[in-house]
Amino acid sequence: VRGLQAGGDDYLTKPFAFAELLARVQALVRRASRTPEPTTLTVEDLV
């Protein structure tokens, strides 16, 4: 709460998996640029 009230936009605790950090960074960039965040990934018949 203190971190977010200070002006942070998201909060990730250590230790962390890089996949989660990357997803959060990408989401923050999309949110700032107002780019819609994809909800699904599709490759051939894999969803």
ModelCIF file with pLDDT and N, C-alpha, C, O atoms, coordinates in Angstrom:
data_MODEL
#
_entry.id   MODEL 
#
_entity.id                         1 
_entity.type                       polymer 
_entity.pdbx_number_of_molecules   1 
#
_entity_poly.entity_id                      1 
_entity_poly.type                           'polypeptide(L)' 
_entity_poly.nstd_linkage                   no 
_entity_poly.nstd_monomer                   no 
_entity_poly.pdbx_seq_one_letter_code       VRGLQAGGDDYLTKPFAFAELLARVQALVRRASRTPEPTTLTVEDLV 
_entity_poly.pdbx_seq_one_letter_code_can   VRGLQAGGDDYLTKPFAFAELLARVQALVRRASRTPEPTTLTVEDLV 
_entity_poly.pdbx_strand_id                 A 
#
loop_
_entity_poly_seq.entity_id 
_entity_poly_seq.num 
_entity_poly_seq.mon_id 
_entity_poly_seq.hetero 
1 1  VAL n 
1 2  ARG n 
1 3  GLY n 
1 4  LEU n 
1 5  GLN n 
1 6  ALA n 
1 7  GLY n 
1 8  GLY n 
1 9  ASP n 
1 10 ASP n 
1 11 TYR n 
1 12 LEU n 
1 13 THR n 
1 14 LYS n 
1 15 PRO n 
1 16 PHE n 
1 17 ALA n 
1 18 PHE n 
1 19 ALA n 
1 20 GLU n 
1 21 LEU n 
1 22 LEU n 
1 23 ALA n 
1 24 ARG n 
1 25 VAL n 
1 26 GLN n 
1 27 ALA n 
1 28 LEU n 
1 29 VAL n 
1 30 ARG n 
1 31 ARG n 
1 32 ALA n 
1 33 SER n 
1 34 ARG n 
1 35 THR n 
1 36 PRO n 
1 37 GLU n 
1 38 PRO n 
1 39 THR n 
1 40 THR n 
1 41 LEU n 
1 42 THR n 
1 43 VAL n 
1 44 GLU n 
1 45 ASP n 
1 46 LEU n 
1 47 VAL n 
#
_struct_asym.id          A 
_struct_asym.entity_id   1 
#
loop_
_ma_qa_metric.id 
_ma_qa_metric.mode 
_ma_qa_metric.name 
_ma_qa_metric.software_group_id 
_ma_qa_metric.type 
1 global pLDDT . pLDDT 
2 local  pLDDT . pLDDT 
#
_ma_qa_metric_global.metric_id      1 
_ma_qa_metric_global.metric_value   87.70 
_ma_qa_metric_global.model_id       1 
_ma_qa_metric_global.ordinal_id     1 
#
loop_
_ma_qa_metric_local.label_asym_id 
_ma_qa_metric_local.label_comp_id 
_ma_qa_metric_local.label_seq_id 
_ma_qa_metric_local.metric_id 
_ma_qa_metric_local.metric_value 
_ma_qa_metric_local.model_id 
_ma_qa_metric_local.ordinal_id 
A VAL 1  2 89.00 1 1  
A ARG 2  2 88.00 1 2  
A GLY 3  2 89.00 1 3  
A LEU 4  2 89.00 1 4  
A GLN 5  2 90.00 1 5  
A ALA 6  2 89.00 1 6  
A GLY 7  2 93.00 1 7  
A GLY 8  2 94.00 1 8  
A ASP 9  2 93.00 1 9  
A ASP 10 2 94.00 1 10 
A TYR 11 2 93.00 1 11 
A LEU 12 2 93.00 1 12 
A THR 13 2 90.00 1 13 
A LYS 14 2 88.00 1 14 
A PRO 15 2 87.00 1 15 
A PHE 16 2 88.00 1 16 
A ALA 17 2 87.00 1 17 
A PHE 18 2 89.00 1 18 
A ALA 19 2 85.00 1 19 
A GLU 20 2 88.00 1 20 
A LEU 21 2 92.00 1 21 
A LEU 22 2 90.00 1 22 
A ALA 23 2 89.00 1 23 
A ARG 24 2 92.00 1 24 
A VAL 25 2 94.00 1 25 
A GLN 26 2 89.00 1 26 
A ALA 27 2 90.00 1 27 
A LEU 28 2 92.00 1 28 
A VAL 29 2 88.00 1 29 
A ARG 30 2 85.00 1 30 
A ARG 31 2 85.00 1 31 
A ALA 32 2 84.00 1 32 
A SER 33 2 76.00 1 33 
A ARG 34 2 73.00 1 34 
A THR 35 2 59.00 1 35 
A PRO 36 2 65.00 1 36 
A GLU 37 2 64.00 1 37 
A PRO 38 2 74.00 1 38 
A THR 39 2 82.00 1 39 
A THR 40 2 91.00 1 40 
A LEU 41 2 93.00 1 41 
A THR 42 2 96.00 1 42 
A VAL 43 2 96.00 1 43 
A GLU 44 2 95.00 1 44 
A ASP 45 2 97.00 1 45 
A LEU 46 2 98.00 1 46 
A VAL 47 2 97.00 1 47 
#
loop_
_atom_site.group_PDB 
_atom_site.id 
_atom_site.type_symbol 
_atom_site.label_atom_id 
_atom_site.label_alt_id 
_atom_site.label_comp_id 
_atom_site.label_asym_id 
_atom_site.label_entity_id 
_atom_site.label_seq_id 
_atom_site.pdbx_PDB_ins_code 
_atom_site.Cartn_x 
_atom_site.Cartn_y 
_atom_site.Cartn_z 
_atom_site.occupancy 
_atom_site.B_iso_or_equiv 
_atom_site.pdbx_formal_charge 
_atom_site.auth_seq_id 
_atom_site.auth_comp_id 
_atom_site.auth_asym_id 
_atom_site.auth_atom_id 
_atom_site.pdbx_PDB_model_num 
ATOM 1   N N  . VAL A 1 1  ? 0.840  -1.206  0.000   1.00 89.00 ? 1  VAL A N  1 
ATOM 2   C CA . VAL A 1 1  ? 0.000  0.000   0.000   1.00 89.00 ? 1  VAL A CA 1 
ATOM 3   C C  . VAL A 1 1  ? 0.870  1.249   0.000   1.00 89.00 ? 1  VAL A C  1 
ATOM 4   O O  . VAL A 1 1  ? 0.609  2.184   -0.756  1.00 89.00 ? 1  VAL A O  1 
ATOM 5   N N  . ARG A 1 2  ? 1.912  1.274   0.850   1.00 88.00 ? 2  ARG A N  1 
ATOM 6   C CA . ARG A 1 2  ? 2.797  2.439   0.891   1.00 88.00 ? 2  ARG A CA 1 
ATOM 7   C C  . ARG A 1 2  ? 3.481  2.665   -0.456  1.00 88.00 ? 2  ARG A C  1 
ATOM 8   O O  . ARG A 1 2  ? 3.641  3.802   -0.900  1.00 88.00 ? 2  ARG A O  1 
ATOM 9   N N  . GLY A 1 3  ? 3.879  1.578   -1.090  1.00 89.00 ? 3  GLY A N  1 
ATOM 10  C CA . GLY A 1 3  ? 4.527  1.709   -2.387  1.00 89.00 ? 3  GLY A CA 1 
ATOM 11  C C  . GLY A 1 3  ? 3.609  2.296   -3.437  1.00 89.00 ? 3  GLY A C  1 
ATOM 12  O O  . GLY A 1 3  ? 4.022  3.156   -4.216  1.00 89.00 ? 3  GLY A O  1 
ATOM 13  N N  . LEU A 1 4  ? 2.380  1.844   -3.465  1.00 89.00 ? 4  LEU A N  1 
ATOM 14  C CA . LEU A 1 4  ? 1.423  2.351   -4.448  1.00 89.00 ? 4  LEU A CA 1 
ATOM 15  C C  . LEU A 1 4  ? 1.010  3.782   -4.122  1.00 89.00 ? 4  LEU A C  1 
ATOM 16  O O  . LEU A 1 4  ? 0.828  4.598   -5.026  1.00 89.00 ? 4  LEU A O  1 
ATOM 17  N N  . GLN A 1 5  ? 0.859  4.091   -2.828  1.00 90.00 ? 5  GLN A N  1 
ATOM 18  C CA . GLN A 1 5  ? 0.501  5.453   -2.439  1.00 90.00 ? 5  GLN A CA 1 
ATOM 19  C C  . GLN A 1 5  ? 1.617  6.444   -2.729  1.00 90.00 ? 5  GLN A C  1 
ATOM 20  O O  . GLN A 1 5  ? 1.360  7.626   -2.959  1.00 90.00 ? 5  GLN A O  1 
ATOM 21  N N  . ALA A 1 6  ? 2.857  5.963   -2.717  1.00 89.00 ? 6  ALA A N  1 
ATOM 22  C CA . ALA A 1 6  ? 3.987  6.842   -3.017  1.00 89.00 ? 6  ALA A CA 1 
ATOM 23  C C  . ALA A 1 6  ? 4.053  7.210   -4.495  1.00 89.00 ? 6  ALA A C  1 
ATOM 24  O O  . ALA A 1 6  ? 4.773  8.133   -4.876  1.00 89.00 ? 6  ALA A O  1 
ATOM 25  N N  . GLY A 1 7  ? 3.308  6.491   -5.324  1.00 93.00 ? 7  GLY A N  1 
ATOM 26  C CA . GLY A 1 7  ? 3.311  6.788   -6.755  1.00 93.00 ? 7  GLY A CA 1 
ATOM 27  C C  . GLY A 1 7  ? 3.689  5.626   -7.637  1.00 93.00 ? 7  GLY A C  1 
ATOM 28  O O  . GLY A 1 7  ? 3.752  5.767   -8.858  1.00 93.00 ? 7  GLY A O  1 
ATOM 29  N N  . GLY A 1 8  ? 3.947  4.450   -7.023  1.00 94.00 ? 8  GLY A N  1 
ATOM 30  C CA . GLY A 1 8  ? 4.216  3.263   -7.831  1.00 94.00 ? 8  GLY A CA 1 
ATOM 31  C C  . GLY A 1 8  ? 2.957  2.785   -8.534  1.00 94.00 ? 8  GLY A C  1 
ATOM 32  O O  . GLY A 1 8  ? 1.849  2.984   -8.035  1.00 94.00 ? 8  GLY A O  1 
ATOM 33  N N  . ASP A 1 9  ? 3.123  2.158   -9.686  1.00 93.00 ? 9  ASP A N  1 
ATOM 34  C CA . ASP A 1 9  ? 1.975  1.666   -10.458 1.00 93.00 ? 9  ASP A CA 1 
ATOM 35  C C  . ASP A 1 9  ? 1.735  0.179   -10.272 1.00 93.00 ? 9  ASP A C  1 
ATOM 36  O O  . ASP A 1 9  ? 0.626  -0.305  -10.498 1.00 93.00 ? 9  ASP A O  1 
ATOM 37  N N  . ASP A 1 10 ? 2.763  -0.549  -9.862  1.00 94.00 ? 10 ASP A N  1 
ATOM 38  C CA . ASP A 1 10 ? 2.637  -1.988  -9.616  1.00 94.00 ? 10 ASP A CA 1 
ATOM 39  C C  . ASP A 1 10 ? 3.719  -2.381  -8.626  1.00 94.00 ? 10 ASP A C  1 
ATOM 40  O O  . ASP A 1 10 ? 4.681  -1.643  -8.412  1.00 94.00 ? 10 ASP A O  1 
ATOM 41  N N  . TYR A 1 11 ? 3.552  -3.565  -8.018  1.00 93.00 ? 11 TYR A N  1 
ATOM 42  C CA . TYR A 1 11 ? 4.439  -3.978  -6.920  1.00 93.00 ? 11 TYR A CA 1 
ATOM 43  C C  . TYR A 1 11 ? 4.701  -5.465  -7.062  1.00 93.00 ? 11 TYR A C  1 
ATOM 44  O O  . TYR A 1 11 ? 3.764  -6.262  -7.113  1.00 93.00 ? 11 TYR A O  1 
ATOM 45  N N  . LEU A 1 12 ? 5.975  -5.844  -7.126  1.00 93.00 ? 12 LEU A N  1 
ATOM 46  C CA . LEU A 1 12 ? 6.356  -7.245  -7.278  1.00 93.00 ? 12 LEU A CA 1 
ATOM 47  C C  . LEU A 1 12 ? 7.347  -7.600  -6.183  1.00 93.00 ? 12 LEU A C  1 
ATOM 48  O O  . LEU A 1 12 ? 8.355  -6.918  -6.004  1.00 93.00 ? 12 LEU A O  1 
ATOM 49  N N  . THR A 1 13 ? 7.056  -8.681  -5.445  1.00 90.00 ? 13 THR A N  1 
ATOM 50  C CA . THR A 1 13 ? 7.922  -9.056  -4.325  1.00 90.00 ? 13 THR A CA 1 
ATOM 51  C C  . THR A 1 13 ? 9.011  -10.032 -4.774  1.00 90.00 ? 13 THR A C  1 
ATOM 52  O O  . THR A 1 13 ? 8.816  -10.826 -5.694  1.00 90.00 ? 13 THR A O  1 
ATOM 53  N N  . LYS A 1 14 ? 10.145 -9.951  -4.109  1.00 88.00 ? 14 LYS A N  1 
ATOM 54  C CA . LYS A 1 14 ? 11.271 -10.855 -4.347  1.00 88.00 ? 14 LYS A CA 1 
ATOM 55  C C  . LYS A 1 14 ? 11.135 -12.071 -3.434  1.00 88.00 ? 14 LYS A C  1 
ATOM 56  O O  . LYS A 1 14 ? 10.617 -11.948 -2.324  1.00 88.00 ? 14 LYS A O  1 
ATOM 57  N N  . PRO A 1 15 ? 11.593 -13.251 -3.881  1.00 87.00 ? 15 PRO A N  1 
ATOM 58  C CA . PRO A 1 15 ? 12.088 -13.546 -5.234  1.00 87.00 ? 15 PRO A CA 1 
ATOM 59  C C  . PRO A 1 15 ? 10.931 -13.633 -6.225  1.00 87.00 ? 15 PRO A C  1 
ATOM 60  O O  . PRO A 1 15 ? 9.783  -13.843 -5.834  1.00 87.00 ? 15 PRO A O  1 
ATOM 61  N N  . PHE A 1 16 ? 11.240 -13.469 -7.500  1.00 88.00 ? 16 PHE A N  1 
ATOM 62  C CA . PHE A 1 16 ? 10.198 -13.443 -8.519  1.00 88.00 ? 16 PHE A CA 1 
ATOM 63  C C  . PHE A 1 16 ? 10.661 -14.234 -9.738  1.00 88.00 ? 16 PHE A C  1 
ATOM 64  O O  . PHE A 1 16 ? 11.858 -14.434 -9.944  1.00 88.00 ? 16 PHE A O  1 
ATOM 65  N N  . ALA A 1 17 ? 9.713  -14.674 -10.530 1.00 87.00 ? 17 ALA A N  1 
ATOM 66  C CA . ALA A 1 17 ? 10.007 -15.284 -11.824 1.00 87.00 ? 17 ALA A CA 1 
ATOM 67  C C  . ALA A 1 17 ? 10.057 -14.179 -12.871 1.00 87.00 ? 17 ALA A C  1 
ATOM 68  O O  . ALA A 1 17 ? 9.215  -13.282 -12.868 1.00 87.00 ? 17 ALA A O  1 
ATOM 69  N N  . PHE A 1 18 ? 11.033 -14.237 -13.762 1.00 89.00 ? 18 PHE A N  1 
ATOM 70  C CA . PHE A 1 18 ? 11.164 -13.160 -14.738 1.00 89.00 ? 18 PHE A CA 1 
ATOM 71  C C  . PHE A 1 18 ? 9.931  -13.058 -15.632 1.00 89.00 ? 18 PHE A C  1 
ATOM 72  O O  . PHE A 1 18 ? 9.566  -11.961 -16.056 1.00 89.00 ? 18 PHE A O  1 
ATOM 73  N N  . ALA A 1 19 ? 9.286  -14.186 -15.922 1.00 85.00 ? 19 ALA A N  1 
ATOM 74  C CA . ALA A 1 19 ? 8.104  -14.154 -16.779 1.00 85.00 ? 19 ALA A CA 1 
ATOM 75  C C  . ALA A 1 19 ? 7.051  -13.205 -16.213 1.00 85.00 ? 19 ALA A C  1 
ATOM 76  O O  . ALA A 1 19 ? 6.396  -12.482 -16.963 1.00 85.00 ? 19 ALA A O  1 
ATOM 77  N N  . GLU A 1 20 ? 6.889  -13.207 -14.894 1.00 88.00 ? 20 GLU A N  1 
ATOM 78  C CA . GLU A 1 20 ? 5.901  -12.323 -14.277 1.00 88.00 ? 20 GLU A CA 1 
ATOM 79  C C  . GLU A 1 20 ? 6.357  -10.872 -14.352 1.00 88.00 ? 20 GLU A C  1 
ATOM 80  O O  . GLU A 1 20 ? 5.555  -9.986  -14.647 1.00 88.00 ? 20 GLU A O  1 
ATOM 81  N N  . LEU A 1 21 ? 7.639  -10.620 -14.087 1.00 92.00 ? 21 LEU A N  1 
ATOM 82  C CA . LEU A 1 21 ? 8.131  -9.249  -14.185 1.00 92.00 ? 21 LEU A CA 1 
ATOM 83  C C  . LEU A 1 21 ? 7.942  -8.712  -15.599 1.00 92.00 ? 21 LEU A C  1 
ATOM 84  O O  . LEU A 1 21 ? 7.478  -7.586  -15.779 1.00 92.00 ? 21 LEU A O  1 
ATOM 85  N N  . LEU A 1 22 ? 8.297  -9.507  -16.597 1.00 90.00 ? 22 LEU A N  1 
ATOM 86  C CA . LEU A 1 22 ? 8.152  -9.067  -17.980 1.00 90.00 ? 22 LEU A CA 1 
ATOM 87  C C  . LEU A 1 22 ? 6.698  -8.767  -18.314 1.00 90.00 ? 22 LEU A C  1 
ATOM 88  O O  . LEU A 1 22 ? 6.402  -7.755  -18.950 1.00 90.00 ? 22 LEU A O  1 
ATOM 89  N N  . ALA A 1 23 ? 5.785  -9.642  -17.889 1.00 89.00 ? 23 ALA A N  1 
ATOM 90  C CA . ALA A 1 23 ? 4.366  -9.429  -18.165 1.00 89.00 ? 23 ALA A CA 1 
ATOM 91  C C  . ALA A 1 23 ? 3.876  -8.133  -17.523 1.00 89.00 ? 23 ALA A C  1 
ATOM 92  O O  . ALA A 1 23 ? 3.091  -7.399  -18.122 1.00 89.00 ? 23 ALA A O  1 
ATOM 93  N N  . ARG A 1 24 ? 4.339  -7.853  -16.305 1.00 92.00 ? 24 ARG A N  1 
ATOM 94  C CA . ARG A 1 24 ? 3.921  -6.632  -15.615 1.00 92.00 ? 24 ARG A CA 1 
ATOM 95  C C  . ARG A 1 24 ? 4.490  -5.386  -16.291 1.00 92.00 ? 24 ARG A C  1 
ATOM 96  O O  . ARG A 1 24 ? 3.795  -4.379  -16.427 1.00 92.00 ? 24 ARG A O  1 
ATOM 97  N N  . VAL A 1 25 ? 5.757  -5.452  -16.714 1.00 94.00 ? 25 VAL A N  1 
ATOM 98  C CA . VAL A 1 25 ? 6.359  -4.319  -17.425 1.00 94.00 ? 25 VAL A CA 1 
ATOM 99  C C  . VAL A 1 25 ? 5.607  -4.064  -18.727 1.00 94.00 ? 25 VAL A C  1 
ATOM 100 O O  . VAL A 1 25 ? 5.283  -2.919  -19.043 1.00 94.00 ? 25 VAL A O  1 
ATOM 101 N N  . GLN A 1 26 ? 5.332  -5.118  -19.480 1.00 89.00 ? 26 GLN A N  1 
ATOM 102 C CA . GLN A 1 26 ? 4.607  -4.963  -20.742 1.00 89.00 ? 26 GLN A CA 1 
ATOM 103 C C  . GLN A 1 26 ? 3.214  -4.390  -20.515 1.00 89.00 ? 26 GLN A C  1 
ATOM 104 O O  . GLN A 1 26 ? 2.748  -3.558  -21.293 1.00 89.00 ? 26 GLN A O  1 
ATOM 105 N N  . ALA A 1 27 ? 2.546  -4.834  -19.448 1.00 90.00 ? 27 ALA A N  1 
ATOM 106 C CA . ALA A 1 27 ? 1.207  -4.317  -19.145 1.00 90.00 ? 27 ALA A CA 1 
ATOM 107 C C  . ALA A 1 27 ? 1.261  -2.836  -18.801 1.00 90.00 ? 27 ALA A C  1 
ATOM 108 O O  . ALA A 1 27 ? 0.386  -2.077  -19.218 1.00 90.00 ? 27 ALA A O  1 
ATOM 109 N N  . LEU A 1 28 ? 2.275  -2.409  -18.045 1.00 92.00 ? 28 LEU A N  1 
ATOM 110 C CA . LEU A 1 28 ? 2.408  -0.994  -17.706 1.00 92.00 ? 28 LEU A CA 1 
ATOM 111 C C  . LEU A 1 28 ? 2.653  -0.149  -18.950 1.00 92.00 ? 28 LEU A C  1 
ATOM 112 O O  . LEU A 1 28 ? 2.097  0.941   -19.084 1.00 92.00 ? 28 LEU A O  1 
ATOM 113 N N  . VAL A 1 29 ? 3.481  -0.651  -19.857 1.00 88.00 ? 29 VAL A N  1 
ATOM 114 C CA . VAL A 1 29 ? 3.758  0.088   -21.092 1.00 88.00 ? 29 VAL A CA 1 
ATOM 115 C C  . VAL A 1 29 ? 2.493  0.186   -21.941 1.00 88.00 ? 29 VAL A C  1 
ATOM 116 O O  . VAL A 1 29 ? 2.190  1.245   -22.490 1.00 88.00 ? 29 VAL A O  1 
ATOM 117 N N  . ARG A 1 30 ? 1.758  -0.920  -22.047 1.00 85.00 ? 30 ARG A N  1 
ATOM 118 C CA . ARG A 1 30 ? 0.513  -0.893  -22.834 1.00 85.00 ? 30 ARG A CA 1 
ATOM 119 C C  . ARG A 1 30 ? -0.497 0.064   -22.221 1.00 85.00 ? 30 ARG A C  1 
ATOM 120 O O  . ARG A 1 30 ? -1.165 0.817   -22.929 1.00 85.00 ? 30 ARG A O  1 
ATOM 121 N N  . ARG A 1 31 ? -0.602 0.026   -20.888 1.00 85.00 ? 31 ARG A N  1 
ATOM 122 C CA . ARG A 1 31 ? -1.560 0.890   -20.209 1.00 85.00 ? 31 ARG A CA 1 
ATOM 123 C C  . ARG A 1 31 ? -1.212 2.356   -20.442 1.00 85.00 ? 31 ARG A C  1 
ATOM 124 O O  . ARG A 1 31 ? -2.097 3.180   -20.674 1.00 85.00 ? 31 ARG A O  1 
ATOM 125 N N  . ALA A 1 32 ? 0.079  2.680   -20.379 1.00 84.00 ? 32 ALA A N  1 
ATOM 126 C CA . ALA A 1 32 ? 0.507  4.062   -20.566 1.00 84.00 ? 32 ALA A CA 1 
ATOM 127 C C  . ALA A 1 32 ? 0.274  4.539   -21.996 1.00 84.00 ? 32 ALA A C  1 
ATOM 128 O O  . ALA A 1 32 ? -0.025 5.712   -22.223 1.00 84.00 ? 32 ALA A O  1 
ATOM 129 N N  . SER A 1 33 ? 0.412  3.621   -22.968 1.00 76.00 ? 33 SER A N  1 
ATOM 130 C CA . SER A 1 33 ? 0.230  3.985   -24.372 1.00 76.00 ? 33 SER A CA 1 
ATOM 131 C C  . SER A 1 33 ? -1.191 3.727   -24.856 1.00 76.00 ? 33 SER A C  1 
ATOM 132 O O  . SER A 1 33 ? -1.521 3.952   -26.020 1.00 76.00 ? 33 SER A O  1 
ATOM 133 N N  . ARG A 1 34 ? -2.034 3.245   -23.923 1.00 73.00 ? 34 ARG A N  1 
ATOM 134 C CA . ARG A 1 34 ? -3.436 2.933   -24.226 1.00 73.00 ? 34 ARG A CA 1 
ATOM 135 C C  . ARG A 1 34 ? -3.581 1.881   -25.319 1.00 73.00 ? 34 ARG A C  1 
ATOM 136 O O  . ARG A 1 34 ? -4.559 1.872   -26.067 1.00 73.00 ? 34 ARG A O  1 
ATOM 137 N N  . THR A 1 35 ? -2.574 0.981   -25.399 1.00 59.00 ? 35 THR A N  1 
ATOM 138 C CA . THR A 1 35 ? -2.647 -0.129  -26.342 1.00 59.00 ? 35 THR A CA 1 
ATOM 139 C C  . THR A 1 35 ? -3.422 -1.270  -25.702 1.00 59.00 ? 35 THR A C  1 
ATOM 140 O O  . THR A 1 35 ? -3.064 -1.701  -24.606 1.00 59.00 ? 35 THR A O  1 
ATOM 141 N N  . PRO A 1 36 ? -4.465 -1.776  -26.341 1.00 65.00 ? 36 PRO A N  1 
ATOM 142 C CA . PRO A 1 36 ? -5.242 -2.863  -25.734 1.00 65.00 ? 36 PRO A CA 1 
ATOM 143 C C  . PRO A 1 36 ? -4.368 -4.086  -25.440 1.00 65.00 ? 36 PRO A C  1 
ATOM 144 O O  . PRO A 1 36 ? -3.558 -4.501  -26.269 1.00 65.00 ? 36 PRO A O  1 
ATOM 145 N N  . GLU A 1 37 ? -4.546 -4.645  -24.264 1.00 64.00 ? 37 GLU A N  1 
ATOM 146 C CA . GLU A 1 37 ? -3.776 -5.821  -23.873 1.00 64.00 ? 37 GLU A CA 1 
ATOM 147 C C  . GLU A 1 37 ? -4.430 -7.077  -24.433 1.00 64.00 ? 37 GLU A C  1 
ATOM 148 O O  . GLU A 1 37 ? -5.622 -7.292  -24.211 1.00 64.00 ? 37 GLU A O  1 
ATOM 149 N N  . PRO A 1 38 ? -3.680 -7.915  -25.155 1.00 74.00 ? 38 PRO A N  1 
ATOM 150 C CA . PRO A 1 38 ? -4.281 -9.137  -25.688 1.00 74.00 ? 38 PRO A CA 1 
ATOM 151 C C  . PRO A 1 38 ? -4.701 -10.064 -24.560 1.00 74.00 ? 38 PRO A C  1 
ATOM 152 O O  . PRO A 1 38 ? -4.035 -10.151 -23.529 1.00 74.00 ? 38 PRO A O  1 
ATOM 153 N N  . THR A 1 39 ? -5.809 -10.754 -24.768 1.00 82.00 ? 39 THR A N  1 
ATOM 154 C CA . THR A 1 39 ? -6.297 -11.680 -23.740 1.00 82.00 ? 39 THR A CA 1 
ATOM 155 C C  . THR A 1 39 ? -6.019 -13.128 -24.100 1.00 82.00 ? 39 THR A C  1 
ATOM 156 O O  . THR A 1 39 ? -6.122 -14.005 -23.243 1.00 82.00 ? 39 THR A O  1 
ATOM 157 N N  . THR A 1 40 ? -5.672 -13.394 -25.345 1.00 91.00 ? 40 THR A N  1 
ATOM 158 C CA . THR A 1 40 ? -5.366 -14.763 -25.747 1.00 91.00 ? 40 THR A CA 1 
ATOM 159 C C  . THR A 1 40 ? -4.140 -14.784 -26.652 1.00 91.00 ? 40 THR A C  1 
ATOM 160 O O  . THR A 1 40 ? -3.845 -13.817 -27.355 1.00 91.00 ? 40 THR A O  1 
ATOM 161 N N  . LEU A 1 41 ? -3.437 -15.907 -26.614 1.00 93.00 ? 41 LEU A N  1 
ATOM 162 C CA . LEU A 1 41 ? -2.343 -16.179 -27.540 1.00 93.00 ? 41 LEU A CA 1 
ATOM 163 C C  . LEU A 1 41 ? -2.740 -17.399 -28.353 1.00 93.00 ? 41 LEU A C  1 
ATOM 164 O O  . LEU A 1 41 ? -3.248 -18.372 -27.795 1.00 93.00 ? 41 LEU A O  1 
ATOM 165 N N  . THR A 1 42 ? -2.518 -17.364 -29.663 1.00 96.00 ? 42 THR A N  1 
ATOM 166 C CA . THR A 1 42 ? -2.938 -18.458 -30.529 1.00 96.00 ? 42 THR A CA 1 
ATOM 167 C C  . THR A 1 42 ? -1.819 -18.821 -31.505 1.00 96.00 ? 42 THR A C  1 
ATOM 168 O O  . THR A 1 42 ? -1.263 -17.954 -32.179 1.00 96.00 ? 42 THR A O  1 
ATOM 169 N N  . VAL A 1 43 ? -1.501 -20.102 -31.570 1.00 96.00 ? 43 VAL A N  1 
ATOM 170 C CA . VAL A 1 43 ? -0.564 -20.633 -32.558 1.00 96.00 ? 43 VAL A CA 1 
ATOM 171 C C  . VAL A 1 43 ? -1.208 -21.882 -33.139 1.00 96.00 ? 43 VAL A C  1 
ATOM 172 O O  . VAL A 1 43 ? -1.399 -22.876 -32.438 1.00 96.00 ? 43 VAL A O  1 
ATOM 173 N N  . GLU A 1 44 ? -1.543 -21.824 -34.432 1.00 95.00 ? 44 GLU A N  1 
ATOM 174 C CA . GLU A 1 44 ? -2.272 -22.913 -35.076 1.00 95.00 ? 44 GLU A CA 1 
ATOM 175 C C  . GLU A 1 44 ? -3.561 -23.202 -34.294 1.00 95.00 ? 44 GLU A C  1 
ATOM 176 O O  . GLU A 1 44 ? -4.382 -22.302 -34.119 1.00 95.00 ? 44 GLU A O  1 
ATOM 177 N N  . ASP A 1 45 ? -3.751 -24.443 -33.821 1.00 97.00 ? 45 ASP A N  1 
ATOM 178 C CA . ASP A 1 45 ? -4.967 -24.776 -33.081 1.00 97.00 ? 45 ASP A CA 1 
ATOM 179 C C  . ASP A 1 45 ? -4.750 -24.753 -31.567 1.00 97.00 ? 45 ASP A C  1 
ATOM 180 O O  . ASP A 1 45 ? -5.582 -25.243 -30.804 1.00 97.00 ? 45 ASP A O  1 
ATOM 181 N N  . LEU A 1 46 ? -3.620 -24.179 -31.144 1.00 98.00 ? 46 LEU A N  1 
ATOM 182 C CA . LEU A 1 46 ? -3.304 -24.069 -29.719 1.00 98.00 ? 46 LEU A CA 1 
ATOM 183 C C  . LEU A 1 46 ? -3.690 -22.680 -29.229 1.00 98.00 ? 46 LEU A C  1 
ATOM 184 O O  . LEU A 1 46 ? -3.264 -21.676 -29.799 1.00 98.00 ? 46 LEU A O  1 
ATOM 185 N N  . VAL A 1 47 ? -4.494 -22.622 -28.175 1.00 97.00 ? 47 VAL A N  1 
ATOM 186 C CA . VAL A 1 47 ? -5.000 -21.347 -27.656 1.00 97.00 ? 47 VAL A CA 1 
ATOM 187 C C  . VAL A 1 47 ? -4.707 -21.257 -26.161 1.00 97.00 ? 47 VAL A C  1 
ATOM 188 O O  . VAL A 1 47 ? -5.049 -20.262 -25.523 1.00 97.00 ? 47 VAL A O  1 
#
